[in-house]
Amino acid sequence: MNNPIIPIKFVQILSDGKLHSREELIHNLGIGLIDICNYIQILKHMGINILTIRGQGYCLGFTMYLLDENIIQEEMTGGRLSVIPVIDSTNQYLLNSISKLKKGDVCIAEHQRMGHGRRSRPWFSSFGSNLYLSIYWRLKKNLVSRTYLSLIISLAISDILQKKGVCNIKIKWPNDIYLNNRKLAGILIEIKNQSSQFLDLVIGIGINLNMHDQAQEIMRKHGGIDLQSVGINVDRNILSILIINTIRNILTQFEQYGLCSFIRPEIKR
C-alpha cells in the first residue's frame, strides 16, 4: 500500500452513509469492479471499513462529514489554507515548505500516514474522522518558550471544547488534553531555523473526534478516547475555524505582550 491512489471521489459519494449500488459507482467514477475492491482495501488501511451488502452495493454505515476548504478559508481571519486528503504529517508538510510560508498559513488533512506526537510517539490517524491541523508562525527567538506556549494553546483548546459541551477535561503537562483520564488531544510544537534571530514554529494539533471500527479499538488500546464515545458530535469545519482563529489571536498576543499576558487572575493572586 505504498503511495496508493487516494479514492477521494469514492469517499465523497459514500460519505452520506447511504447505500450505493455497484452500477452507480462504476458509472459515476468511470472505474471497474476491481477498482472498487482496491479502494475498499486502501480505506481499510486508513481505518475505515466499507460495508459490502451482497447484491445491493456499498456503504459506510455512518455519515462522514468531510472537510470543506472553502467554508474554512472564508471564516479564517488570516493566512492561507491547504486541505489535503492524505499526507504523511501536517507538521512535516509545513516544515518542508517554510521558505514559501506566511504567518498563519494552515494545513489540515483527512488522514495522516505518519502522524506523531512528542518524542516521535505515533498518533493513529483514521481517515475523515478526527482533526489533524498545523499552523505556521514566526516569533522572535527571545519570546519563545515551547513548553509554556504548548500549555497556553492546550488551555485555549480545552476552553473551546468545554464550550462545545465537553466536561471532565484535564491537561497533562505540558501539551496533552485528557478526557475521563484518557487522551483526547495533543499539541506538538516544532521549531526550525534555531540559529537565527527569529524562530519558525509549526504548531500541530490532533483531536480524536469520531473513530470507527478497528480504528476505535486501536485508539482505546493506546489509552485514547474520542468525543463520539461520550455522545458529543462536533462539525470539523467549525472546530477548525475556531481553533485556527483562536491560535492566531494567541500568537499575536504572545508576540506583542509575551507570557505575562496569559497569566490568569487566579494565578496572579
C-alpha atoms as a PDB file:
ATOM      1  CA  MET A   1       0.000   0.000   0.000  1.00  0.00           C
ATOM      2  CA  ASN A   2       2.861   2.401  -0.699  1.00  0.00           C
ATOM      3  CA  ASN A   3       1.589   5.692  -2.157  1.00  0.00           C
ATOM      4  CA  PRO A   4      -1.870   4.380  -3.145  1.00  0.00           C
ATOM      5  CA  ILE A   5      -4.151   6.404  -5.396  1.00  0.00           C
ATOM      6  CA  ILE A   6      -6.442   8.046  -2.856  1.00  0.00           C
ATOM      7  CA  PRO A   7     -10.088   7.306  -3.731  1.00  0.00           C
ATOM      8  CA  ILE A   8     -11.353  10.692  -2.550  1.00  0.00           C
ATOM      9  CA  LYS A   9     -14.291  10.807  -5.019  1.00  0.00           C
ATOM     10  CA  PHE A  10     -15.279   7.315  -3.913  1.00  0.00           C
ATOM     11  CA  VAL A  11     -15.289   8.512  -0.293  1.00  0.00           C
ATOM     12  CA  GLN A  12     -17.241  11.655  -1.188  1.00  0.00           C
ATOM     13  CA  ILE A  13     -20.036   9.584  -2.716  1.00  0.00           C
ATOM     14  CA  LEU A  14     -20.191   7.189   0.240  1.00  0.00           C
ATOM     15  CA  SER A  15     -19.849   9.949   2.862  1.00  0.00           C
ATOM     16  CA  ASP A  16     -23.652  10.383   3.059  1.00  0.00           C
ATOM     17  CA  GLY A  17     -23.838   6.995   4.814  1.00  0.00           C
ATOM     18  CA  LYS A  18     -26.390   5.683   2.313  1.00  0.00           C
ATOM     19  CA  LEU A  19     -26.259   2.530   0.212  1.00  0.00           C
ATOM     20  CA  HIS A  20     -24.818   2.989  -3.289  1.00  0.00           C
ATOM     21  CA  SER A  21     -25.061   0.295  -5.950  1.00  0.00           C
ATOM     22  CA  ARG A  22     -22.090  -1.132  -7.790  1.00  0.00           C
ATOM     23  CA  GLU A  23     -23.525   0.118 -11.092  1.00  0.00           C
ATOM     24  CA  GLU A  24     -23.901   3.664  -9.750  1.00  0.00           C
ATOM     25  CA  LEU A  25     -20.305   3.790  -8.529  1.00  0.00           C
ATOM     26  CA  ILE A  26     -18.883   2.317 -11.737  1.00  0.00           C
ATOM     27  CA  HIS A  27     -20.875   4.807 -13.835  1.00  0.00           C
ATOM     28  CA  ASN A  28     -20.185   7.915 -11.732  1.00  0.00           C
ATOM     29  CA  LEU A  29     -16.495   7.219 -11.176  1.00  0.00           C
ATOM     30  CA  GLY A  30     -15.653   5.654 -14.534  1.00  0.00           C
ATOM     31  CA  ILE A  31     -13.986   2.681 -12.860  1.00  0.00           C
ATOM     32  CA  GLY A  32     -14.326  -1.096 -12.800  1.00  0.00           C
ATOM     33  CA  LEU A  33     -15.237  -3.573 -10.079  1.00  0.00           C
ATOM     34  CA  ILE A  34     -11.555  -4.340  -9.421  1.00  0.00           C
ATOM     35  CA  ASP A  35     -11.004  -0.631  -8.662  1.00  0.00           C
ATOM     36  CA  ILE A  36     -13.823  -0.634  -6.120  1.00  0.00           C
ATOM     37  CA  CYS A  37     -12.245  -3.646  -4.383  1.00  0.00           C
ATOM     38  CA  ASN A  38      -8.862  -1.883  -4.344  1.00  0.00           C
ATOM     39  CA  TYR A  39     -10.395   1.306  -2.935  1.00  0.00           C
ATOM     40  CA  ILE A  40     -12.063  -0.655  -0.145  1.00  0.00           C
ATOM     41  CA  GLN A  41      -8.692  -2.152   0.826  1.00  0.00           C
ATOM     42  CA  ILE A  42      -6.951   1.252   0.724  1.00  0.00           C
ATOM     43  CA  LEU A  43      -9.575   2.762   3.026  1.00  0.00           C
ATOM     44  CA  LYS A  44      -9.355  -0.222   5.372  1.00  0.00           C
ATOM     45  CA  HIS A  45      -5.658   0.603   5.840  1.00  0.00           C
ATOM     46  CA  MET A  46      -6.744   4.140   6.759  1.00  0.00           C
ATOM     47  CA  GLY A  47      -9.081   2.919   9.495  1.00  0.00           C
ATOM     48  CA  ILE A  48     -12.370   2.913   7.560  1.00  0.00           C
ATOM     49  CA  ASN A  49     -14.364  -0.230   6.779  1.00  0.00           C
ATOM     50  CA  ILE A  50     -16.692  -0.079   3.777  1.00  0.00           C
ATOM     51  CA  LEU A  51     -19.709  -2.356   4.200  1.00  0.00           C
ATOM     52  CA  THR A  52     -20.474  -4.619   1.249  1.00  0.00           C
ATOM     53  CA  ILE A  53     -24.153  -5.571   1.056  1.00  0.00           C
ATOM     54  CA  ARG A  54     -24.368  -8.546  -1.281  1.00  0.00           C
ATOM     55  CA  GLY A  55     -26.490  -7.851  -4.330  1.00  0.00           C
ATOM     56  CA  GLN A  56     -27.193  -4.265  -3.232  1.00  0.00           C
ATOM     57  CA  GLY A  57     -23.997  -2.240  -3.051  1.00  0.00           C
ATOM     58  CA  TYR A  58     -21.685  -0.447  -0.645  1.00  0.00           C
ATOM     59  CA  CYS A  59     -21.983   1.983   2.246  1.00  0.00           C
ATOM     60  CA  LEU A  60     -20.034   3.452   5.136  1.00  0.00           C
ATOM     61  CA  GLY A  61     -22.725   2.714   7.693  1.00  0.00           C
ATOM     62  CA  PHE A  62     -22.406   6.241   9.076  1.00  0.00           C
ATOM     63  CA  THR A  63     -22.279   9.803   7.775  1.00  0.00           C
ATOM     64  CA  MET A  64     -18.781  11.195   7.261  1.00  0.00           C
ATOM     65  CA  TYR A  65     -18.527  14.992   7.271  1.00  0.00           C
ATOM     66  CA  LEU A  66     -15.544  15.777   5.074  1.00  0.00           C
ATOM     67  CA  LEU A  67     -13.519  18.961   5.395  1.00  0.00           C
ATOM     68  CA  ASP A  68     -14.622  21.843   3.170  1.00  0.00           C
ATOM     69  CA  GLU A  69     -11.721  24.116   2.239  1.00  0.00           C
ATOM     70  CA  ASN A  70     -13.999  26.932   1.050  1.00  0.00           C
ATOM     71  CA  ILE A  71     -16.015  27.061   4.279  1.00  0.00           C
ATOM     72  CA  ILE A  72     -12.904  27.132   6.473  1.00  0.00           C
ATOM     73  CA  GLN A  73     -10.955  29.646   4.358  1.00  0.00           C
ATOM     74  CA  GLU A  74     -13.904  32.035   4.233  1.00  0.00           C
ATOM     75  CA  GLU A  75     -14.053  32.255   8.045  1.00  0.00           C
ATOM     76  CA  MET A  76     -10.311  32.383   8.734  1.00  0.00           C
ATOM     77  CA  THR A  77      -9.102  35.762   9.992  1.00  0.00           C
ATOM     78  CA  GLY A  78      -5.866  35.478   8.006  1.00  0.00           C
ATOM     79  CA  GLY A  79      -3.361  33.117   6.446  1.00  0.00           C
ATOM     80  CA  ARG A  80      -3.671  30.631   3.618  1.00  0.00           C
ATOM     81  CA  LEU A  81      -5.200  27.181   3.868  1.00  0.00           C
ATOM     82  CA  SER A  82      -4.256  23.812   2.374  1.00  0.00           C
ATOM     83  CA  VAL A  83      -6.706  20.945   2.892  1.00  0.00           C
ATOM     84  CA  ILE A  84      -5.036  17.720   1.782  1.00  0.00           C
ATOM     85  CA  PRO A  85      -6.883  14.373   1.773  1.00  0.00           C
ATOM     86  CA  VAL A  86      -3.890  12.200   2.721  1.00  0.00           C
ATOM     87  CA  ILE A  87      -0.470  13.343   3.888  1.00  0.00           C
ATOM     88  CA  ASP A  88       2.482  11.963   5.830  1.00  0.00           C
ATOM     89  CA  SER A  89       2.157  14.670   8.506  1.00  0.00           C
ATOM     90  CA  THR A  90       0.620  18.158   8.513  1.00  0.00           C
ATOM     91  CA  ASN A  91       3.528  19.403  10.631  1.00  0.00           C
ATOM     92  CA  GLN A  92       6.119  17.971   8.265  1.00  0.00           C
ATOM     93  CA  TYR A  93       4.295  19.418   5.255  1.00  0.00           C
ATOM     94  CA  LEU A  94       4.649  22.929   6.678  1.00  0.00           C
ATOM     95  CA  LEU A  95       8.218  22.355   7.897  1.00  0.00           C
ATOM     96  CA  ASN A  96       9.192  21.309   4.372  1.00  0.00           C
ATOM     97  CA  SER A  97       7.579  24.473   2.958  1.00  0.00           C
ATOM     98  CA  ILE A  98       8.970  27.046   5.432  1.00  0.00           C
ATOM     99  CA  SER A  99      10.567  29.263   2.778  1.00  0.00           C
ATOM    100  CA  LYS A 100       7.220  29.717   0.994  1.00  0.00           C
ATOM    101  CA  LEU A 101       5.025  30.259   4.048  1.00  0.00           C
ATOM    102  CA  LYS A 102       3.453  33.351   5.566  1.00  0.00           C
ATOM    103  CA  LYS A 103       2.499  33.715   9.225  1.00  0.00           C
ATOM    104  CA  GLY A 104      -0.782  31.991   9.907  1.00  0.00           C
ATOM    105  CA  ASP A 105      -0.680  29.534   6.994  1.00  0.00           C
ATOM    106  CA  VAL A 106      -2.527  26.319   7.835  1.00  0.00           C
ATOM    107  CA  CYS A 107      -2.520  22.705   6.690  1.00  0.00           C
ATOM    108  CA  ILE A 108      -5.344  20.281   7.537  1.00  0.00           C
ATOM    109  CA  ALA A 109      -5.607  16.643   6.449  1.00  0.00           C
ATOM    110  CA  GLU A 110      -8.283  13.971   6.352  1.00  0.00           C
ATOM    111  CA  HIS A 111      -5.653  11.323   7.131  1.00  0.00           C
ATOM    112  CA  GLN A 112      -2.007  11.250   8.215  1.00  0.00           C
ATOM    113  CA  ARG A 113       0.214   8.320   7.322  1.00  0.00           C
ATOM    114  CA  MET A 114       2.982   9.269   9.756  1.00  0.00           C
ATOM    115  CA  GLY A 115       1.312  11.425  12.397  1.00  0.00           C
ATOM    116  CA  HIS A 116       3.255  11.678  15.654  1.00  0.00           C
ATOM    117  CA  GLY A 117       3.424  13.484  18.963  1.00  0.00           C
ATOM    118  CA  ARG A 118       6.284  14.409  21.280  1.00  0.00           C
ATOM    119  CA  ARG A 119       9.314  12.113  21.255  1.00  0.00           C
ATOM    120  CA  SER A 120       8.074  10.755  17.898  1.00  0.00           C
ATOM    121  CA  ARG A 121       5.280   8.755  19.525  1.00  0.00           C
ATOM    122  CA  PRO A 122       2.862   7.635  16.778  1.00  0.00           C
ATOM    123  CA  TRP A 123      -0.572   9.273  16.553  1.00  0.00           C
ATOM    124  CA  PHE A 124      -3.099   6.993  14.843  1.00  0.00           C
ATOM    125  CA  SER A 125      -4.971   8.968  12.194  1.00  0.00           C
ATOM    126  CA  SER A 126      -8.199   7.450  10.920  1.00  0.00           C
ATOM    127  CA  PHE A 127      -9.493   8.916   7.625  1.00  0.00           C
ATOM    128  CA  GLY A 128     -12.118  11.661   7.816  1.00  0.00           C
ATOM    129  CA  SER A 129     -12.820  11.082  11.496  1.00  0.00           C
ATOM    130  CA  ASN A 130     -10.658  13.404  13.572  1.00  0.00           C
ATOM    131  CA  LEU A 131      -8.875  16.739  13.329  1.00  0.00           C
ATOM    132  CA  TYR A 132      -5.261  16.912  12.147  1.00  0.00           C
ATOM    133  CA  LEU A 133      -4.243  20.560  11.857  1.00  0.00           C
ATOM    134  CA  SER A 134      -0.985  22.529  11.766  1.00  0.00           C
ATOM    135  CA  ILE A 135      -0.344  26.277  11.703  1.00  0.00           C
ATOM    136  CA  TYR A 136       2.851  28.193  10.916  1.00  0.00           C
ATOM    137  CA  TRP A 137       4.116  31.273  12.778  1.00  0.00           C
ATOM    138  CA  ARG A 138       7.343  33.243  13.196  1.00  0.00           C
ATOM    139  CA  LEU A 139       8.421  34.679  16.550  1.00  0.00           C
ATOM    140  CA  LYS A 140      11.449  36.469  17.941  1.00  0.00           C
ATOM    141  CA  LYS A 141      13.803  33.954  19.496  1.00  0.00           C
ATOM    142  CA  ASN A 142      13.788  35.598  22.939  1.00  0.00           C
ATOM    143  CA  LEU A 143       9.990  35.264  23.146  1.00  0.00           C
ATOM    144  CA  VAL A 144       9.725  31.555  22.558  1.00  0.00           C
ATOM    145  CA  SER A 145       9.191  29.043  25.337  1.00  0.00           C
ATOM    146  CA  ARG A 146       7.929  25.901  23.673  1.00  0.00           C
ATOM    147  CA  THR A 147       6.672  24.414  26.950  1.00  0.00           C
ATOM    148  CA  TYR A 148       4.647  27.444  28.027  1.00  0.00           C
ATOM    149  CA  LEU A 149       3.308  28.068  24.530  1.00  0.00           C
ATOM    150  CA  SER A 150       2.127  24.435  24.393  1.00  0.00           C
ATOM    151  CA  LEU A 151       0.386  24.905  27.727  1.00  0.00           C
ATOM    152  CA  ILE A 152      -1.295  28.153  26.627  1.00  0.00           C
ATOM    153  CA  ILE A 153      -2.582  26.511  23.448  1.00  0.00           C
ATOM    154  CA  SER A 154      -3.743  23.425  25.395  1.00  0.00           C
ATOM    155  CA  LEU A 155      -5.737  25.671  27.737  1.00  0.00           C
ATOM    156  CA  ALA A 156      -7.294  27.522  24.793  1.00  0.00           C
ATOM    157  CA  ILE A 157      -8.338  24.301  23.049  1.00  0.00           C
ATOM    158  CA  SER A 158      -9.729  22.969  26.331  1.00  0.00           C
ATOM    159  CA  ASP A 159     -11.837  26.129  26.612  1.00  0.00           C
ATOM    160  CA  ILE A 160     -13.158  25.631  23.061  1.00  0.00           C
ATOM    161  CA  LEU A 161     -14.081  22.005  23.786  1.00  0.00           C
ATOM    162  CA  GLN A 162     -15.759  22.898  27.085  1.00  0.00           C
ATOM    163  CA  LYS A 163     -17.922  25.424  25.241  1.00  0.00           C
ATOM    164  CA  LYS A 164     -18.914  22.544  22.950  1.00  0.00           C
ATOM    165  CA  GLY A 165     -20.172  20.635  25.987  1.00  0.00           C
ATOM    166  CA  VAL A 166     -17.121  18.516  26.814  1.00  0.00           C
ATOM    167  CA  CYS A 167     -16.750  18.015  30.583  1.00  0.00           C
ATOM    168  CA  ASN A 168     -14.065  16.417  32.767  1.00  0.00           C
ATOM    169  CA  ILE A 169     -11.192  17.775  30.673  1.00  0.00           C
ATOM    170  CA  LYS A 170      -7.721  17.850  32.194  1.00  0.00           C
ATOM    171  CA  ILE A 171      -4.347  18.935  30.828  1.00  0.00           C
ATOM    172  CA  LYS A 172      -1.340  16.681  31.237  1.00  0.00           C
ATOM    173  CA  TRP A 173       1.700  18.962  31.369  1.00  0.00           C
ATOM    174  CA  PRO A 174       2.510  20.453  29.037  1.00  0.00           C
ATOM    175  CA  ASN A 175       0.638  19.523  25.892  1.00  0.00           C
ATOM    176  CA  ASP A 176      -1.848  16.647  26.203  1.00  0.00           C
ATOM    177  CA  ILE A 177      -5.579  17.026  26.781  1.00  0.00           C
ATOM    178  CA  TYR A 178      -7.319  14.216  28.660  1.00  0.00           C
ATOM    179  CA  LEU A 179     -10.997  13.340  28.949  1.00  0.00           C
ATOM    180  CA  ASN A 180     -12.114  10.870  31.630  1.00  0.00           C
ATOM    181  CA  ASN A 181      -8.429  10.043  32.200  1.00  0.00           C
ATOM    182  CA  ARG A 182      -7.885   9.034  28.555  1.00  0.00           C
ATOM    183  CA  LYS A 183      -6.040  11.010  25.878  1.00  0.00           C
ATOM    184  CA  LEU A 184      -8.329  13.126  23.716  1.00  0.00           C
ATOM    185  CA  ALA A 185      -5.924  15.575  22.068  1.00  0.00           C
ATOM    186  CA  GLY A 186      -2.290  16.548  21.763  1.00  0.00           C
ATOM    187  CA  ILE A 187      -0.250  19.586  20.738  1.00  0.00           C
ATOM    188  CA  LEU A 188       3.160  19.329  19.089  1.00  0.00           C
ATOM    189  CA  ILE A 189       5.300  22.436  18.526  1.00  0.00           C
ATOM    190  CA  GLU A 190       8.282  22.012  16.237  1.00  0.00           C
ATOM    191  CA  ILE A 191      10.940  24.661  15.635  1.00  0.00           C
ATOM    192  CA  LYS A 192      13.113  25.378  12.619  1.00  0.00           C
ATOM    193  CA  ASN A 193      15.968  27.860  11.984  1.00  0.00           C
ATOM    194  CA  GLN A 194      17.034  27.923  15.637  1.00  0.00           C
ATOM    195  CA  SER A 195      20.275  29.762  14.842  1.00  0.00           C
ATOM    196  CA  SER A 196      18.572  32.911  13.547  1.00  0.00           C
ATOM    197  CA  GLN A 197      17.069  35.883  15.406  1.00  0.00           C
ATOM    198  CA  PHE A 198      13.602  34.596  14.565  1.00  0.00           C
ATOM    199  CA  LEU A 199      12.241  31.089  15.021  1.00  0.00           C
ATOM    200  CA  ASP A 200       9.893  29.360  12.603  1.00  0.00           C
ATOM    201  CA  LEU A 201       7.226  27.492  14.552  1.00  0.00           C
ATOM    202  CA  VAL A 202       4.868  24.804  13.351  1.00  0.00           C
ATOM    203  CA  ILE A 203       2.107  24.044  15.829  1.00  0.00           C
ATOM    204  CA  GLY A 204       0.356  20.729  15.273  1.00  0.00           C
ATOM    205  CA  ILE A 205      -2.953  19.781  16.867  1.00  0.00           C
ATOM    206  CA  GLY A 206      -4.605  16.377  16.852  1.00  0.00           C
ATOM    207  CA  ILE A 207      -8.059  15.792  18.350  1.00  0.00           C
ATOM    208  CA  ASN A 208      -9.931  12.474  18.427  1.00  0.00           C
ATOM    209  CA  LEU A 209     -13.491  13.204  17.353  1.00  0.00           C
ATOM    210  CA  ASN A 210     -15.188  10.169  15.879  1.00  0.00           C
ATOM    211  CA  MET A 211     -13.274   6.902  15.475  1.00  0.00           C
ATOM    212  CA  HIS A 212     -14.830   3.868  13.793  1.00  0.00           C
ATOM    213  CA  ASP A 213     -14.331   0.125  13.561  1.00  0.00           C
ATOM    214  CA  GLN A 214     -10.761  -1.110  14.132  1.00  0.00           C
ATOM    215  CA  ALA A 215      -9.544   2.487  14.470  1.00  0.00           C
ATOM    216  CA  GLN A 216     -11.551   2.820  17.675  1.00  0.00           C
ATOM    217  CA  GLU A 217     -10.081  -0.425  19.020  1.00  0.00           C
ATOM    218  CA  ILE A 218      -6.528   0.795  18.326  1.00  0.00           C
ATOM    219  CA  MET A 219      -7.269   4.148  19.968  1.00  0.00           C
ATOM    220  CA  ARG A 220      -8.652   2.580  23.142  1.00  0.00           C
ATOM    221  CA  LYS A 221      -5.797   0.074  23.312  1.00  0.00           C
ATOM    222  CA  HIS A 222      -3.376   3.019  23.449  1.00  0.00           C
ATOM    223  CA  GLY A 223      -5.328   4.859  26.144  1.00  0.00           C
ATOM    224  CA  GLY A 224      -7.240   7.207  23.850  1.00  0.00           C
ATOM    225  CA  ILE A 225     -10.815   8.461  23.734  1.00  0.00           C
ATOM    226  CA  ASP A 226     -12.916  10.353  21.195  1.00  0.00           C
ATOM    227  CA  LEU A 227     -15.807  12.787  21.604  1.00  0.00           C
ATOM    228  CA  GLN A 228     -18.282  10.461  19.880  1.00  0.00           C
ATOM    229  CA  SER A 229     -17.844   7.894  22.670  1.00  0.00           C
ATOM    230  CA  VAL A 230     -19.178  10.427  25.212  1.00  0.00           C
ATOM    231  CA  GLY A 231     -22.080  11.437  22.973  1.00  0.00           C
ATOM    232  CA  ILE A 232     -20.643  14.664  21.543  1.00  0.00           C
ATOM    233  CA  ASN A 233     -20.645  15.365  17.802  1.00  0.00           C
ATOM    234  CA  VAL A 234     -18.619  18.300  16.508  1.00  0.00           C
ATOM    235  CA  ASP A 235     -18.554  19.735  12.985  1.00  0.00           C
ATOM    236  CA  ARG A 236     -14.891  19.514  11.948  1.00  0.00           C
ATOM    237  CA  ASN A 237     -15.142  22.586   9.721  1.00  0.00           C
ATOM    238  CA  ILE A 238     -16.491  24.755  12.539  1.00  0.00           C
ATOM    239  CA  LEU A 239     -13.990  23.331  15.032  1.00  0.00           C
ATOM    240  CA  SER A 240     -11.137  24.004  12.591  1.00  0.00           C
ATOM    241  CA  ILE A 241     -12.218  27.636  12.196  1.00  0.00           C
ATOM    242  CA  LEU A 242     -12.468  28.157  15.962  1.00  0.00           C
ATOM    243  CA  ILE A 243      -9.045  26.638  16.615  1.00  0.00           C
ATOM    244  CA  ILE A 244      -7.274  28.445  13.765  1.00  0.00           C
ATOM    245  CA  ASN A 245      -8.622  31.867  14.723  1.00  0.00           C
ATOM    246  CA  THR A 246      -8.012  31.273  18.432  1.00  0.00           C
ATOM    247  CA  ILE A 247      -4.397  30.251  17.869  1.00  0.00           C
ATOM    248  CA  ARG A 248      -3.817  33.238  15.584  1.00  0.00           C
ATOM    249  CA  ASN A 249      -5.063  35.523  18.371  1.00  0.00           C
ATOM    250  CA  ILE A 250      -2.871  33.756  20.943  1.00  0.00           C
ATOM    251  CA  LEU A 251       0.256  34.052  18.806  1.00  0.00           C
ATOM    252  CA  THR A 252      -0.415  37.707  18.018  1.00  0.00           C
ATOM    253  CA  GLN A 253      -0.901  38.443  21.729  1.00  0.00           C
ATOM    254  CA  PHE A 254       2.176  36.393  22.649  1.00  0.00           C
ATOM    255  CA  GLU A 255       4.159  38.337  20.046  1.00  0.00           C
ATOM    256  CA  GLN A 256       3.121  41.710  21.454  1.00  0.00           C
ATOM    257  CA  TYR A 257       2.967  41.141  25.211  1.00  0.00           C
ATOM    258  CA  GLY A 258       4.780  37.884  25.986  1.00  0.00           C
ATOM    259  CA  LEU A 259       3.878  35.204  28.510  1.00  0.00           C
ATOM    260  CA  CYS A 260       2.675  37.568  31.271  1.00  0.00           C
ATOM    261  CA  SER A 261      -0.471  38.485  29.347  1.00  0.00           C
ATOM    262  CA  PHE A 262      -1.683  34.871  29.654  1.00  0.00           C
ATOM    263  CA  ILE A 263      -1.357  34.547  33.442  1.00  0.00           C
ATOM    264  CA  ARG A 264      -4.906  34.174  34.690  1.00  0.00           C
ATOM    265  CA  PRO A 265      -6.228  36.270  37.613  1.00  0.00           C
ATOM    266  CA  GLU A 266      -6.493  33.277  39.948  1.00  0.00           C
ATOM    267  CA  ILE A 267      -2.800  32.505  39.322  1.00  0.00           C
ATOM    268  CA  LYS A 268      -1.718  36.125  39.851  1.00  0.00           C
ATOM    269  CA  ARG A 269      -3.364  36.160  43.281  1.00  0.00           C
END
